[in-house]
Protein backbone atom coordinates (compact mmCIF):
# COMPACT_ATOMS: atom_id res chain seq x y z
CA MET A 1 -12.80 19.64 -25.15
CA ILE A 2 -9.18 20.76 -24.73
CA GLU A 3 -10.33 23.38 -22.31
CA THR A 4 -12.21 20.55 -20.25
CA GLN A 5 -9.09 18.38 -20.33
CA TRP A 6 -7.02 21.34 -19.06
CA LYS A 7 -9.30 22.10 -16.23
CA THR A 8 -9.22 18.28 -15.24
CA PHE A 9 -5.25 18.34 -15.29
CA THR A 10 -5.07 21.53 -13.35
CA ALA A 11 -7.48 20.21 -10.72
CA TRP A 12 -5.36 16.98 -10.63
CA LEU A 13 -2.36 19.23 -10.12
CA TYR A 14 -3.87 21.01 -7.30
CA ASP A 15 -5.11 17.91 -5.71
CA PRO A 16 -3.57 17.70 -1.99
CA THR A 17 -2.98 14.06 -2.31
CA VAL A 18 -0.99 14.47 -5.65
CA GLY A 19 1.02 17.15 -4.20
CA LYS A 20 1.88 15.11 -1.18
CA ILE A 21 2.94 12.32 -3.46
CA VAL A 22 5.17 14.40 -5.44
CA ALA A 23 6.85 15.87 -2.25
CA VAL A 24 7.45 12.38 -0.97
CA ILE A 25 9.01 11.25 -4.26
CA ALA A 26 11.09 14.42 -4.25
CA GLY A 27 12.05 14.07 -0.75
CA VAL A 28 13.01 10.43 -1.08
CA LEU A 29 15.16 11.38 -4.06
CA VAL A 30 16.92 14.09 -2.15
CA ILE A 31 17.44 11.64 0.71
CA THR A 32 18.95 9.20 -1.37
CA LEU A 33 21.21 11.39 -3.11
CA MET A 34 22.38 12.84 0.09
CA THR A 35 22.94 9.46 1.66
CA ARG A 36 25.13 8.43 -1.19
CA MET A 37 27.15 11.59 -1.21
CA VAL A 38 27.63 11.42 2.47
CA GLY A 39 28.59 7.80 2.26
CA THR A 40 31.08 8.26 -0.76
CA VAL A 41 32.67 11.32 0.91
CA LEU A 42 33.16 9.67 4.46
CA LEU A 43 34.14 6.19 3.17
CA ALA A 44 36.84 7.65 0.98
CA ARG A 45 38.64 8.98 4.00
CA ILE A 46 38.45 6.01 6.40
CA ASP A 47 41.16 3.15 5.99
CA SER A 48 39.72 0.73 8.64
CA ILE A 49 37.65 -2.03 6.89
CA ASP A 50 35.48 -2.44 10.03
CA THR A 51 34.88 1.16 10.58
CA ARG A 52 34.11 1.76 6.87
CA TYR A 53 31.58 -1.18 6.97
CA ARG A 54 29.91 0.08 10.10
CA LEU A 55 29.65 3.60 8.86
CA ARG A 56 28.07 2.51 5.47
CA LYS A 57 25.43 0.47 7.48
CA LEU A 58 24.77 3.49 9.58
CA VAL A 59 24.36 6.04 6.73
CA ASN A 60 21.99 3.56 4.92
CA ALA A 61 19.99 2.90 8.20
CA ALA A 62 19.76 6.80 8.67
CA GLY A 63 18.65 7.43 5.13
CA THR A 64 15.90 4.79 5.59
CA LEU A 65 14.58 6.15 8.87
CA ALA A 66 14.59 9.74 7.28
CA ALA A 67 12.55 8.36 4.37
CA ILE A 68 9.92 6.73 6.80
CA ILE A 69 9.70 9.86 8.84
CA LEU A 70 9.10 12.08 5.80
CA ILE A 71 6.34 9.81 4.55
CA THR A 72 4.81 9.62 8.03
CA VAL A 73 4.83 13.52 8.27
CA VAL A 74 3.47 14.11 4.96
CA PHE A 75 0.56 11.73 5.21
CA SER A 76 -0.14 12.22 8.89
CA ASN A 77 -3.52 13.53 8.42
CA LYS A 78 -4.51 10.49 6.28
CA LEU A 79 -3.22 7.88 8.58
CA GLY A 80 -6.19 8.20 11.09
CA ASN A 81 -8.70 6.85 8.80
CA LEU A 82 -6.53 3.57 8.18
CA THR A 83 -6.07 2.79 11.80
CA VAL A 84 -8.68 0.08 11.89
CA ALA A 85 -7.74 -1.39 8.49
CA PHE A 86 -4.02 -1.41 9.63
CA GLY A 87 -4.94 -3.22 12.79
CA VAL A 88 -6.81 -5.93 11.10
CA ALA A 89 -4.21 -6.50 8.44
CA GLY A 90 -1.31 -6.21 10.86
CA ALA A 91 -2.62 -9.30 12.86
CA GLY A 92 -2.71 -11.38 9.61
CA ILE A 93 0.55 -9.97 8.45
CA ALA A 94 2.22 -10.69 11.86
CA PHE A 95 1.01 -14.35 11.68
CA ALA A 96 2.12 -14.98 8.22
CA LEU A 97 5.61 -13.11 8.51
CA GLN A 98 6.46 -14.37 12.02
CA GLU A 99 9.77 -15.75 10.91
CA VAL A 100 10.65 -12.41 9.16
CA ILE A 101 9.60 -10.51 12.33
CA ALA A 102 11.70 -12.88 14.49
CA SER A 103 14.67 -12.32 12.30
CA ILE A 104 14.35 -8.50 12.43
CA ALA A 105 14.03 -8.68 16.26
CA GLY A 106 17.12 -10.88 15.96
CA TRP A 107 18.80 -8.28 14.03
CA ILE A 108 18.04 -5.71 16.76
CA ALA A 109 19.25 -8.10 19.54
CA VAL A 110 22.57 -8.66 17.56
CA SER A 111 23.08 -4.77 16.98
CA PHE A 112 22.48 -3.82 20.58
CA GLY A 113 23.02 -7.01 22.62
CA ASN A 114 26.82 -7.47 21.69
CA PHE A 115 26.14 -11.06 20.48
CA TYR A 116 28.76 -10.69 17.76
CA SER A 117 29.89 -8.15 15.10
CA VAL A 118 31.41 -8.39 11.68
CA GLY A 119 34.87 -10.09 11.93
CA ASP A 120 33.88 -12.55 14.73
CA ARG A 121 34.16 -16.35 14.39
CA VAL A 122 30.80 -17.77 15.47
CA GLN A 123 28.73 -20.82 15.43
CA LEU A 124 25.25 -19.92 14.63
CA GLY A 125 22.53 -22.36 13.70
CA GLY A 126 24.88 -25.15 13.65
CA ILE A 127 27.19 -23.39 11.04
CA THR A 128 30.58 -22.37 11.99
CA GLY A 129 32.43 -19.44 10.28
CA ASP A 130 33.47 -15.88 10.20
CA VAL A 131 30.81 -13.00 10.14
CA ILE A 132 31.20 -10.99 7.00
CA ASP A 133 27.89 -9.25 7.00
CA ILE A 134 24.94 -8.66 9.39
CA GLY A 135 21.70 -7.80 7.43
CA VAL A 136 18.30 -7.08 8.75
CA LEU A 137 17.07 -10.69 8.07
CA ARG A 138 20.17 -12.71 7.77
CA THR A 139 23.82 -12.90 8.89
CA THR A 140 26.31 -14.01 6.23
CA LEU A 141 29.27 -16.42 7.24
CA MET A 142 32.22 -17.56 5.41
CA GLU A 143 32.14 -21.18 6.59
CA THR A 144 34.93 -22.96 8.21
CA GLY A 145 35.34 -26.78 8.76
CA GLN A 146 33.13 -29.49 7.42
CA TRP A 147 35.60 -31.39 5.06
CA VAL A 148 38.45 -28.93 5.75
CA LYS A 149 40.16 -29.35 9.04
CA ALA A 150 41.54 -27.02 11.76
CA ASP A 151 38.86 -24.35 11.21
CA LEU A 152 39.98 -23.20 7.87
CA TYR A 153 37.64 -21.71 5.23
CA ASN A 154 35.97 -24.23 2.92
CA GLY A 155 34.82 -21.45 0.48
CA ARG A 156 31.14 -21.82 1.07
CA ILE A 157 29.18 -18.54 1.95
CA VAL A 158 26.29 -19.30 4.30
CA ARG A 159 23.23 -16.98 5.14
CA VAL A 160 21.80 -17.68 8.52
CA ALA A 161 18.56 -16.46 9.72
CA ASN A 162 18.94 -13.92 12.53
CA SER A 163 16.16 -15.59 14.38
CA PHE A 164 18.48 -18.24 15.31
CA VAL A 165 19.80 -16.14 18.11
CA PHE A 166 16.57 -16.81 20.11
CA LYS A 167 16.51 -20.53 19.24
CA GLU A 168 20.06 -21.96 19.74
CA PRO A 169 23.16 -21.02 21.66
CA VAL A 170 25.50 -18.48 19.97
CA PHE A 171 29.14 -19.55 20.20
CA ASN A 172 31.55 -16.67 19.73
CA TYR A 173 35.10 -17.64 19.35
CA SER A 174 36.42 -14.16 19.40
CA GLY A 175 34.02 -11.79 21.29
CA ASP A 176 35.50 -10.53 24.48
CA PHE A 177 38.49 -12.95 24.38
CA PRO A 178 39.96 -13.35 20.86
CA PHE A 179 41.99 -16.31 22.00
CA LEU A 180 41.31 -20.09 22.42
CA TRP A 181 42.72 -22.55 24.62
CA ASP A 182 44.21 -25.46 22.70
CA GLU A 183 46.49 -28.46 23.47
CA ILE A 184 48.63 -31.14 21.85
CA THR A 185 49.78 -34.57 23.13
CA VAL A 186 53.30 -35.85 22.75
CA PRO A 187 53.90 -39.56 23.30
CA VAL A 188 57.39 -40.39 24.67
CA LYS A 189 58.88 -43.86 24.87
CA TYR A 190 59.34 -45.52 28.34
CA GLY A 191 63.08 -45.27 29.19
CA SER A 192 63.51 -41.82 27.83
CA ASP A 193 64.71 -39.03 30.12
CA TYR A 194 61.33 -37.59 30.92
CA LYS A 195 62.75 -34.72 33.11
CA LEU A 196 64.65 -33.54 29.90
CA ALA A 197 61.53 -34.11 27.73
CA ARG A 198 59.43 -31.98 30.01
CA GLU A 199 62.05 -29.22 29.96
CA ILE A 200 62.33 -29.30 26.14
CA LEU A 201 58.50 -29.18 25.68
CA GLN A 202 58.12 -26.35 28.12
CA LYS A 203 60.86 -24.32 26.50
CA ILE A 204 59.36 -24.83 22.99
CA ALA A 205 56.01 -23.69 24.23
CA ASP A 206 57.29 -20.69 26.00
CA ASP A 207 59.42 -19.61 22.95
CA ALA A 208 56.63 -20.24 20.40
CA LEU A 209 53.82 -18.66 22.42
CA GLY A 210 55.35 -16.14 24.55
CA GLY A 211 54.76 -13.34 22.29
CA ILE A 212 50.94 -13.42 22.75
CA VAL A 213 50.87 -14.18 26.30
CA PRO A 214 51.06 -10.58 27.54
CA GLY A 215 48.19 -9.56 25.32
CA ALA A 216 46.13 -12.59 26.24
CA LYS A 217 46.78 -12.01 30.00
CA LYS A 218 45.62 -8.45 29.68
CA THR A 219 42.55 -9.44 27.91
CA TRP A 220 41.67 -12.08 30.34
CA HIS A 221 42.06 -9.72 33.25
CA GLU A 222 39.53 -7.58 31.68
CA MET A 223 37.13 -10.61 31.38
CA VAL A 224 37.79 -11.46 35.23
CA ILE A 225 36.66 -7.90 36.08
CA LYS A 226 33.64 -7.86 33.68
CA TYR A 227 32.34 -11.37 34.45
CA ARG A 228 32.25 -13.78 37.59
CA ILE A 229 35.21 -16.09 36.21
CA GLU A 230 38.26 -17.56 37.71
CA ASP A 231 41.58 -16.09 36.91
CA ALA A 232 42.78 -18.93 34.77
CA ARG A 233 46.36 -19.79 33.69
CA ILE A 234 47.41 -18.14 30.47
CA GLU A 235 50.98 -19.28 30.21
CA PRO A 236 51.77 -22.59 28.40
CA ILE A 237 51.72 -25.56 30.79
CA VAL A 238 53.11 -29.12 30.29
CA THR A 239 51.61 -31.96 32.19
CA LEU A 240 52.35 -35.69 32.10
CA ILE A 241 50.53 -39.00 32.59
CA ALA A 242 51.72 -42.54 32.28
CA ASN A 243 49.62 -45.07 30.37
CA ASP A 244 50.00 -48.62 29.27
CA ASN A 245 52.06 -47.80 26.03
CA TRP A 246 54.09 -44.54 26.65
CA LEU A 247 54.52 -41.33 28.66
CA GLU A 248 52.15 -38.83 27.47
CA PHE A 249 52.79 -35.30 27.74
CA THR A 250 50.28 -32.56 27.12
CA ILE A 251 51.06 -28.96 26.13
CA ARG A 252 48.14 -26.59 26.88
CA TYR A 253 48.37 -23.06 25.77
CA VAL A 254 46.38 -20.03 24.25
CA THR A 255 46.56 -19.07 20.77
CA ASP A 256 44.76 -16.71 18.30
CA PHE A 257 41.50 -18.25 17.12
CA LYS A 258 42.61 -18.03 13.43
CA ARG A 259 46.04 -19.45 14.10
CA ARG A 260 45.26 -22.96 15.60
CA ARG A 261 46.54 -24.95 12.72
CA LEU A 262 49.69 -22.93 12.20
CA THR A 263 50.53 -23.11 15.98
CA LYS A 264 50.44 -26.86 16.02
CA ASP A 265 52.55 -26.95 12.83
CA ILE A 266 55.17 -24.81 14.60
CA LEU A 267 55.14 -26.86 17.81
CA PHE A 268 55.41 -30.21 16.42
CA THR A 269 58.23 -29.05 14.05
CA ARG A 270 60.18 -27.71 17.02
CA ILE A 271 59.48 -30.92 19.00
CA MET A 272 60.86 -33.22 16.35
CA GLU A 273 63.94 -30.98 15.82
CA GLU A 274 64.76 -30.94 19.52
CA PHE A 275 64.08 -34.65 20.17
CA ASP A 276 66.27 -35.58 17.36
CA ALA A 277 69.15 -33.41 18.89
CA THR A 278 69.02 -35.38 22.13
CA ASP A 279 70.81 -38.39 20.60
CA GLY A 280 68.21 -40.79 21.76
CA LYS A 281 67.82 -39.57 25.30
CA VAL A 282 64.24 -38.60 24.31
CA SER A 283 62.25 -40.42 21.68
CA LEU A 284 58.81 -40.25 20.37
CA ALA A 285 56.69 -43.45 20.96
CA SER A 286 54.34 -45.13 18.57
CA ALA A 287 52.17 -48.04 18.54
CA THR A 288 54.05 -51.03 17.06
CA PHE A 289 52.56 -54.48 16.32
CA HIS A 290 54.65 -57.62 15.67
CA LEU A 291 53.03 -60.62 14.14
CA VAL A 292 54.73 -63.73 15.42
CA GLU A 293 54.80 -66.60 13.00
CA ALA A 294 53.28 -69.76 14.18
CA PRO A 295 55.77 -72.59 14.82
CA VAL A 296 55.63 -75.75 12.50
CA LEU A 297 54.00 -78.63 14.25
CA ASN A 298 55.21 -82.14 13.49
CA VAL A 299 52.52 -84.75 14.18
CA ARG A 300 53.28 -88.35 13.96
CA MET A 301 50.50 -90.89 14.03
CA THR A 302 51.38 -94.40 14.95
CA GLY A 303 49.03 -97.33 14.88
CA ASN A 304 48.71 -100.24 17.24
CA GLN A 305 49.19 -103.72 15.90
């Protein structure tokens, strides 16, 4: 009986299918080990977070592809008999997993179509946030807004299906042009020196935002070359309209997409300081409502005799 079991075991060992399975397992283990070693060695020498992230994704994708190729090569002579079965099953699987397939297609489109990359601020599937990871099926966002104003993080991490790149517009706040146009309005009282007010506002805007103008102009010039788009004004500009209540100045400017709130804080602080220094020549306006007390009515009634 022992001899029979030994012959059975020996025959099993020499079975070509078993040998191929063992070869695949060994090959996958070697590929996994090499992938981790290469990733560890290379990542340790790279300081850039973005480059390190991209390299890790590339190494993992290369390892997965190598494993698929290994399995295909080892079992290549067995795949012909399964063609019909795969065809029938594939139709059902494609129908059942159409959302998954659309997400994978979306991942391919994002990877090669320059929709967005890690670190960009986007609006995807109705969610606005910074891209912190791009997976095969989902894009992970650190959400901004909602109950928090001025595009600041609210702490929620949102995973959005990649298929949304085919269903809805993708808004990229920082793709080719990592700046946003923004503006603030400053109400000034009638009777103030409006020429002085304009000079003050223009000087504040130039001083606070002049540092980013050269870089923004250079980037915008590249946009003009790449796309059919007008050569818009990048420097801060102050405009004026007069309404029923006050003189309304508007400062329009470009700023970094992550510094909108901080930029407004700097501008308004400087405006308050400079207006206070004019000794009343320029004053901020506000809506004031004065309730007038109704006069006392003295009514006399006389009767006819």
